[in-house]
Amino acid sequence: LLDEKKRAELAQGQAPFAVILGCSDSRVP
């Protein structure tokens, strides 16, 4: 979950460790 502390950290920037190019299907969150 994105709590207040985590949201504040992410507001400063992002460094995702992987890229996922997936289907829009609602059954694949």
PDB file of all heavy atoms in Angstrom:
ATOM      1  N   LEU A   1       0.825  -1.199   0.000  1.00  0.00           N
ATOM      2  CA  LEU A   1       0.000   0.000   0.000  1.00  0.00           C
ATOM      3  C   LEU A   1       0.868   1.261   0.000  1.00  0.00           C
ATOM      4  O   LEU A   1       1.965   1.290   0.568  1.00  0.00           O
ATOM      5  CB  LEU A   1      -0.915   0.009   1.230  1.00  0.00           C
ATOM      6  CG  LEU A   1      -1.956  -1.106   1.290  1.00  0.00           C
ATOM      7  CD1 LEU A   1      -2.764  -1.000   2.581  1.00  0.00           C
ATOM      8  CD2 LEU A   1      -2.883  -1.043   0.082  1.00  0.00           C
ATOM      9  N   LEU A   2       0.366   2.303  -0.622  1.00  0.00           N
ATOM     10  CA  LEU A   2       1.087   3.572  -0.681  1.00  0.00           C
ATOM     11  C   LEU A   2       0.685   4.440   0.513  1.00  0.00           C
ATOM     12  O   LEU A   2      -0.295   5.184   0.448  1.00  0.00           O
ATOM     13  CB  LEU A   2       0.764   4.293  -1.996  1.00  0.00           C
ATOM     14  CG  LEU A   2       1.397   3.736  -3.269  1.00  0.00           C
ATOM     15  CD1 LEU A   2       0.915   4.509  -4.485  1.00  0.00           C
ATOM     16  CD2 LEU A   2       2.909   3.792  -3.186  1.00  0.00           C
ATOM     17  N   ASP A   3       1.458   4.356   1.596  1.00  0.00           N
ATOM     18  CA  ASP A   3       1.165   5.213   2.735  1.00  0.00           C
ATOM     19  C   ASP A   3       1.761   6.604   2.495  1.00  0.00           C
ATOM     20  O   ASP A   3       2.410   6.864   1.474  1.00  0.00           O
ATOM     21  CB  ASP A   3       1.695   4.606   4.030  1.00  0.00           C
ATOM     22  CG  ASP A   3       3.192   4.336   3.994  1.00  0.00           C
ATOM     23  OD1 ASP A   3       3.896   4.936   3.150  1.00  0.00           O
ATOM     24  OD2 ASP A   3       3.666   3.533   4.804  1.00  0.00           O
ATOM     25  N   GLU A   4       1.549   7.496   3.443  1.00  0.00           N
ATOM     26  CA  GLU A   4       1.981   8.890   3.266  1.00  0.00           C
ATOM     27  C   GLU A   4       3.488   9.006   3.047  1.00  0.00           C
ATOM     28  O   GLU A   4       3.949   9.765   2.187  1.00  0.00           O
ATOM     29  CB  GLU A   4       1.564   9.712   4.489  1.00  0.00           C
ATOM     30  CG  GLU A   4       1.883  11.194   4.364  1.00  0.00           C
ATOM     31  CD  GLU A   4       1.401  11.995   5.556  1.00  0.00           C
ATOM     32  OE1 GLU A   4       0.757  11.403   6.451  1.00  0.00           O
ATOM     33  OE2 GLU A   4       1.655  13.208   5.598  1.00  0.00           O
ATOM     34  N   LYS A   5       4.250   8.244   3.795  1.00  0.00           N
ATOM     35  CA  LYS A   5       5.707   8.289   3.668  1.00  0.00           C
ATOM     36  C   LYS A   5       6.154   7.824   2.279  1.00  0.00           C
ATOM     37  O   LYS A   5       7.008   8.455   1.645  1.00  0.00           O
ATOM     38  CB  LYS A   5       6.354   7.416   4.749  1.00  0.00           C
ATOM     39  CG  LYS A   5       7.877   7.402   4.685  1.00  0.00           C
ATOM     40  CD  LYS A   5       8.463   6.493   5.762  1.00  0.00           C
ATOM     41  CE  LYS A   5       9.980   6.448   5.661  1.00  0.00           C
ATOM     42  NZ  LYS A   5      10.562   5.533   6.688  1.00  0.00           N
ATOM     43  N   LYS A   6       5.571   6.708   1.815  1.00  0.00           N
ATOM     44  CA  LYS A   6       5.954   6.177   0.506  1.00  0.00           C
ATOM     45  C   LYS A   6       5.556   7.137  -0.608  1.00  0.00           C
ATOM     46  O   LYS A   6       6.312   7.347  -1.560  1.00  0.00           O
ATOM     47  CB  LYS A   6       5.276   4.808   0.291  1.00  0.00           C
ATOM     48  CG  LYS A   6       5.660   4.112  -1.007  1.00  0.00           C
ATOM     49  CD  LYS A   6       7.123   3.712  -1.020  1.00  0.00           C
ATOM     50  CE  LYS A   6       7.446   2.865  -2.240  1.00  0.00           C
ATOM     51  NZ  LYS A   6       8.865   2.474  -2.301  1.00  0.00           N
ATOM     52  N   ARG A   7       4.376   7.732  -0.501  1.00  0.00           N
ATOM     53  CA  ARG A   7       3.957   8.700  -1.516  1.00  0.00           C
ATOM     54  C   ARG A   7       4.902   9.889  -1.569  1.00  0.00           C
ATOM     55  O   ARG A   7       5.233  10.391  -2.649  1.00  0.00           O
ATOM     56  CB  ARG A   7       2.523   9.172  -1.249  1.00  0.00           C
ATOM     57  CG  ARG A   7       1.461   8.114  -1.487  1.00  0.00           C
ATOM     58  CD  ARG A   7       0.070   8.737  -1.577  1.00  0.00           C
ATOM     59  NE  ARG A   7      -0.281   9.500  -0.373  1.00  0.00           N
ATOM     60  CZ  ARG A   7      -0.871   8.967   0.699  1.00  0.00           C
ATOM     61  NH1 ARG A   7      -1.143   7.675   0.730  1.00  0.00           N
ATOM     62  NH2 ARG A   7      -1.179   9.718   1.751  1.00  0.00           N
ATOM     63  N   ALA A   8       5.347  10.337  -0.403  1.00  0.00           N
ATOM     64  CA  ALA A   8       6.281  11.465  -0.347  1.00  0.00           C
ATOM     65  C   ALA A   8       7.605  11.104  -1.010  1.00  0.00           C
ATOM     66  O   ALA A   8       8.196  11.924  -1.739  1.00  0.00           O
ATOM     67  CB  ALA A   8       6.513  11.881   1.109  1.00  0.00           C
ATOM     68  N   GLU A   9       8.071   9.878  -0.797  1.00  0.00           N
ATOM     69  CA  GLU A   9       9.322   9.428  -1.431  1.00  0.00           C
ATOM     70  C   GLU A   9       9.185   9.390  -2.945  1.00  0.00           C
ATOM     71  O   GLU A   9      10.060   9.868  -3.681  1.00  0.00           O
ATOM     72  CB  GLU A   9       9.692   8.040  -0.914  1.00  0.00           C
ATOM     73  CG  GLU A   9      10.127   8.002   0.539  1.00  0.00           C
ATOM     74  CD  GLU A   9      10.363   6.583   1.012  1.00  0.00           C
ATOM     75  OE1 GLU A   9      10.158   5.633   0.218  1.00  0.00           O
ATOM     76  OE2 GLU A   9      10.754   6.407   2.186  1.00  0.00           O
ATOM     77  N   LEU A  10       8.066   8.829  -3.418  1.00  0.00           N
ATOM     78  CA  LEU A  10       7.868   8.682  -4.855  1.00  0.00           C
ATOM     79  C   LEU A  10       7.645  10.016  -5.542  1.00  0.00           C
ATOM     80  O   LEU A  10       7.913  10.158  -6.745  1.00  0.00           O
ATOM     81  CB  LEU A  10       6.698   7.735  -5.130  1.00  0.00           C
ATOM     82  CG  LEU A  10       6.932   6.268  -4.765  1.00  0.00           C
ATOM     83  CD1 LEU A  10       5.667   5.457  -4.967  1.00  0.00           C
ATOM     84  CD2 LEU A  10       8.076   5.688  -5.580  1.00  0.00           C
ATOM     85  N   ALA A  11       7.156  11.001  -4.802  1.00  0.00           N
ATOM     86  CA  ALA A  11       6.958  12.323  -5.380  1.00  0.00           C
ATOM     87  C   ALA A  11       8.289  12.956  -5.792  1.00  0.00           C
ATOM     88  O   ALA A  11       8.324  13.848  -6.658  1.00  0.00           O
ATOM     89  CB  ALA A  11       6.240  13.231  -4.394  1.00  0.00           C
ATOM     90  N   GLN A  12       9.385  12.457  -5.218  1.00  0.00           N
ATOM     91  CA  GLN A  12      10.706  12.994  -5.540  1.00  0.00           C
ATOM     92  C   GLN A  12      11.329  12.339  -6.778  1.00  0.00           C
ATOM     93  O   GLN A  12      12.323  12.819  -7.305  1.00  0.00           O
ATOM     94  CB  GLN A  12      11.646  12.797  -4.341  1.00  0.00           C
ATOM     95  CG  GLN A  12      11.132  13.407  -3.048  1.00  0.00           C
ATOM     96  CD  GLN A  12      10.812  14.874  -3.180  1.00  0.00           C
ATOM     97  OE1 GLN A  12      11.616  15.646  -3.693  1.00  0.00           O
ATOM     98  NE2 GLN A  12       9.625  15.264  -2.717  1.00  0.00           N
ATOM     99  N   GLY A  13      10.768  11.231  -7.215  1.00  0.00           N
ATOM    100  CA  GLY A  13      11.315  10.555  -8.390  1.00  0.00           C
ATOM    101  C   GLY A  13      11.003   9.068  -8.367  1.00  0.00           C
ATOM    102  O   GLY A  13      10.474   8.545  -7.380  1.00  0.00           O
ATOM    103  N   GLN A  14      11.335   8.412  -9.454  1.00  0.00           N
ATOM    104  CA  GLN A  14      11.060   6.978  -9.558  1.00  0.00           C
ATOM    105  C   GLN A  14      12.232   6.245 -10.177  1.00  0.00           C
ATOM    106  O   GLN A  14      12.984   6.809 -10.978  1.00  0.00           O
ATOM    107  CB  GLN A  14       9.797   6.726 -10.388  1.00  0.00           C
ATOM    108  CG  GLN A  14       9.874   7.271 -11.818  1.00  0.00           C
ATOM    109  CD  GLN A  14       8.706   6.835 -12.682  1.00  0.00           C
ATOM    110  OE1 GLN A  14       8.222   5.713 -12.589  1.00  0.00           O
ATOM    111  NE2 GLN A  14       8.246   7.749 -13.537  1.00  0.00           N
ATOM    112  N   ALA A  15      12.373   4.985  -9.798  1.00  0.00           N
ATOM    113  CA  ALA A  15      13.408   4.120 -10.366  1.00  0.00           C
ATOM    114  C   ALA A  15      12.867   2.700 -10.435  1.00  0.00           C
ATOM    115  O   ALA A  15      13.328   1.804  -9.716  1.00  0.00           O
ATOM    116  CB  ALA A  15      14.674   4.179  -9.528  1.00  0.00           C
ATOM    117  N   PRO A  16      11.853   2.454 -11.271  1.00  0.00           N
ATOM    118  CA  PRO A  16      11.270   1.111 -11.361  1.00  0.00           C
ATOM    119  C   PRO A  16      12.305   0.091 -11.809  1.00  0.00           C
ATOM    120  O   PRO A  16      13.088   0.359 -12.727  1.00  0.00           O
ATOM    121  CB  PRO A  16      10.156   1.285 -12.401  1.00  0.00           C
ATOM    122  CG  PRO A  16      10.571   2.477 -13.209  1.00  0.00           C
ATOM    123  CD  PRO A  16      11.284   3.379 -12.259  1.00  0.00           C
ATOM    124  N   PHE A  17      12.303  -1.062 -11.158  1.00  0.00           N
ATOM    125  CA  PHE A  17      13.336  -2.057 -11.470  1.00  0.00           C
ATOM    126  C   PHE A  17      13.008  -2.880 -12.704  1.00  0.00           C
ATOM    127  O   PHE A  17      13.870  -3.591 -13.218  1.00  0.00           O
ATOM    128  CB  PHE A  17      13.609  -2.957 -10.260  1.00  0.00           C
ATOM    129  CG  PHE A  17      12.517  -3.934  -9.911  1.00  0.00           C
ATOM    130  CD1 PHE A  17      12.419  -5.150 -10.579  1.00  0.00           C
ATOM    131  CD2 PHE A  17      11.606  -3.658  -8.905  1.00  0.00           C
ATOM    132  CE1 PHE A  17      11.428  -6.070 -10.248  1.00  0.00           C
ATOM    133  CE2 PHE A  17      10.622  -4.560  -8.567  1.00  0.00           C
ATOM    134  CZ  PHE A  17      10.521  -5.764  -9.245  1.00  0.00           C
ATOM    135  N   ALA A  18      11.770  -2.805 -13.190  1.00  0.00           N
ATOM    136  CA  ALA A  18      11.396  -3.560 -14.388  1.00  0.00           C
ATOM    137  C   ALA A  18      10.274  -2.839 -15.129  1.00  0.00           C
ATOM    138  O   ALA A  18       9.494  -2.093 -14.539  1.00  0.00           O
ATOM    139  CB  ALA A  18      10.962  -4.978 -14.031  1.00  0.00           C
ATOM    140  N   VAL A  19      10.221  -3.091 -16.415  1.00  0.00           N
ATOM    141  CA  VAL A  19       9.146  -2.594 -17.278  1.00  0.00           C
ATOM    142  C   VAL A  19       8.263  -3.775 -17.647  1.00  0.00           C
ATOM    143  O   VAL A  19       8.774  -4.818 -18.084  1.00  0.00           O
ATOM    144  CB  VAL A  19       9.704  -1.961 -18.567  1.00  0.00           C
ATOM    145  CG1 VAL A  19       8.578  -1.407 -19.434  1.00  0.00           C
ATOM    146  CG2 VAL A  19      10.729  -0.888 -18.250  1.00  0.00           C
ATOM    147  N   ILE A  20       6.971  -3.625 -17.472  1.00  0.00           N
ATOM    148  CA  ILE A  20       6.034  -4.675 -17.868  1.00  0.00           C
ATOM    149  C   ILE A  20       5.111  -4.115 -18.936  1.00  0.00           C
ATOM    150  O   ILE A  20       4.360  -3.172 -18.696  1.00  0.00           O
ATOM    151  CB  ILE A  20       5.168  -5.168 -16.681  1.00  0.00           C
ATOM    152  CG1 ILE A  20       6.022  -5.453 -15.439  1.00  0.00           C
ATOM    153  CG2 ILE A  20       4.366  -6.395 -17.105  1.00  0.00           C
ATOM    154  CD1 ILE A  20       6.969  -6.599 -15.573  1.00  0.00           C
ATOM    155  N   LEU A  21       5.193  -4.693 -20.123  1.00  0.00           N
ATOM    156  CA  LEU A  21       4.265  -4.334 -21.190  1.00  0.00           C
ATOM    157  C   LEU A  21       3.235  -5.446 -21.260  1.00  0.00           C
ATOM    158  O   LEU A  21       3.501  -6.538 -21.749  1.00  0.00           O
ATOM    159  CB  LEU A  21       4.995  -4.180 -22.532  1.00  0.00           C
ATOM    160  CG  LEU A  21       4.256  -3.430 -23.641  1.00  0.00           C
ATOM    161  CD1 LEU A  21       5.217  -3.045 -24.760  1.00  0.00           C
ATOM    162  CD2 LEU A  21       3.098  -4.210 -24.217  1.00  0.00           C
ATOM    163  N   GLY A  22       2.054  -5.174 -20.700  1.00  0.00           N
ATOM    164  CA  GLY A  22       1.048  -6.217 -20.564  1.00  0.00           C
ATOM    165  C   GLY A  22      -0.248  -5.886 -21.259  1.00  0.00           C
ATOM    166  O   GLY A  22      -0.424  -4.807 -21.826  1.00  0.00           O
ATOM    167  N   CYS A  23      -1.164  -6.819 -21.198  1.00  0.00           N
ATOM    168  CA  CYS A  23      -2.486  -6.657 -21.786  1.00  0.00           C
ATOM    169  C   CYS A  23      -3.375  -5.851 -20.834  1.00  0.00           C
ATOM    170  O   CYS A  23      -3.195  -5.865 -19.618  1.00  0.00           O
ATOM    171  CB  CYS A  23      -3.113  -8.025 -22.058  1.00  0.00           C
ATOM    172  SG  CYS A  23      -4.720  -7.964 -22.879  1.00  0.00           S
ATOM    173  N   SER A  24      -4.357  -5.164 -21.397  1.00  0.00           N
ATOM    174  CA  SER A  24      -5.285  -4.364 -20.591  1.00  0.00           C
ATOM    175  C   SER A  24      -6.312  -5.209 -19.844  1.00  0.00           C
ATOM    176  O   SER A  24      -7.102  -4.657 -19.067  1.00  0.00           O
ATOM    177  CB  SER A  24      -6.023  -3.365 -21.490  1.00  0.00           C
ATOM    178  OG  SER A  24      -5.128  -2.464 -22.081  1.00  0.00           O
ATOM    179  N   ASP A  25      -6.334  -6.500 -20.081  1.00  0.00           N
ATOM    180  CA  ASP A  25      -7.333  -7.379 -19.475  1.00  0.00           C
ATOM    181  C   ASP A  25      -7.440  -7.148 -17.964  1.00  0.00           C
ATOM    182  O   ASP A  25      -6.430  -7.163 -17.245  1.00  0.00           O
ATOM    183  CB  ASP A  25      -6.956  -8.840 -19.751  1.00  0.00           C
ATOM    184  CG  ASP A  25      -8.086  -9.801 -19.480  1.00  0.00           C
ATOM    185  OD1 ASP A  25      -8.507  -9.895 -18.313  1.00  0.00           O
ATOM    186  OD2 ASP A  25      -8.549 -10.471 -20.420  1.00  0.00           O
ATOM    187  N   SER A  26      -8.665  -6.933 -17.487  1.00  0.00           N
ATOM    188  CA  SER A  26      -8.885  -6.603 -16.081  1.00  0.00           C
ATOM    189  C   SER A  26      -8.517  -7.739 -15.131  1.00  0.00           C
ATOM    190  O   SER A  26      -8.394  -7.537 -13.922  1.00  0.00           O
ATOM    191  CB  SER A  26     -10.352  -6.216 -15.859  1.00  0.00           C
ATOM    192  OG  SER A  26     -11.208  -7.317 -16.144  1.00  0.00           O
ATOM    193  N   ARG A  27      -8.342  -8.943 -15.670  1.00  0.00           N
ATOM    194  CA  ARG A  27      -8.020 -10.100 -14.839  1.00  0.00           C
ATOM    195  C   ARG A  27      -6.519 -10.265 -14.601  1.00  0.00           C
ATOM    196  O   ARG A  27      -6.094 -11.218 -13.940  1.00  0.00           O
ATOM    197  CB  ARG A  27      -8.578 -11.366 -15.480  1.00  0.00           C
ATOM    198  CG  ARG A  27     -10.092 -11.360 -15.653  1.00  0.00           C
ATOM    199  CD  ARG A  27     -10.558 -12.481 -16.565  1.00  0.00           C
ATOM    200  NE  ARG A  27     -10.093 -12.291 -17.942  1.00  0.00           N
ATOM    201  CZ  ARG A  27     -10.330 -13.136 -18.933  1.00  0.00           C
ATOM    202  NH1 ARG A  27     -11.017 -14.246 -18.680  1.00  0.00           N
ATOM    203  NH2 ARG A  27      -9.881 -12.880 -20.149  1.00  0.00           N
ATOM    204  N   VAL A  28      -5.731  -9.322 -15.133  1.00  0.00           N
ATOM    205  CA  VAL A  28      -4.272  -9.415 -15.004  1.00  0.00           C
ATOM    206  C   VAL A  28      -3.740  -8.143 -14.336  1.00  0.00           C
ATOM    207  O   VAL A  28      -3.121  -7.296 -14.986  1.00  0.00           O
ATOM    208  CB  VAL A  28      -3.599  -9.624 -16.376  1.00  0.00           C
ATOM    209  CG1 VAL A  28      -2.136 -10.016 -16.192  1.00  0.00           C
ATOM    210  CG2 VAL A  28      -4.321 -10.693 -17.185  1.00  0.00           C
ATOM    211  N   PRO A  29      -3.987  -7.978 -13.033  1.00  0.00           N
ATOM    212  CA  PRO A  29      -3.502  -6.788 -12.321  1.00  0.00           C
ATOM    213  C   PRO A  29      -2.002  -6.912 -12.061  1.00  0.00           C
ATOM    214  O   PRO A  29      -1.572  -7.632 -11.153  1.00  0.00           O
ATOM    215  CB  PRO A  29      -4.311  -6.812 -11.019  1.00  0.00           C
ATOM    216  CG  PRO A  29      -4.601  -8.261 -10.783  1.00  0.00           C
ATOM    217  CD  PRO A  29      -4.729  -8.895 -12.145  1.00  0.00           C
TER     218      PRO A  29
END
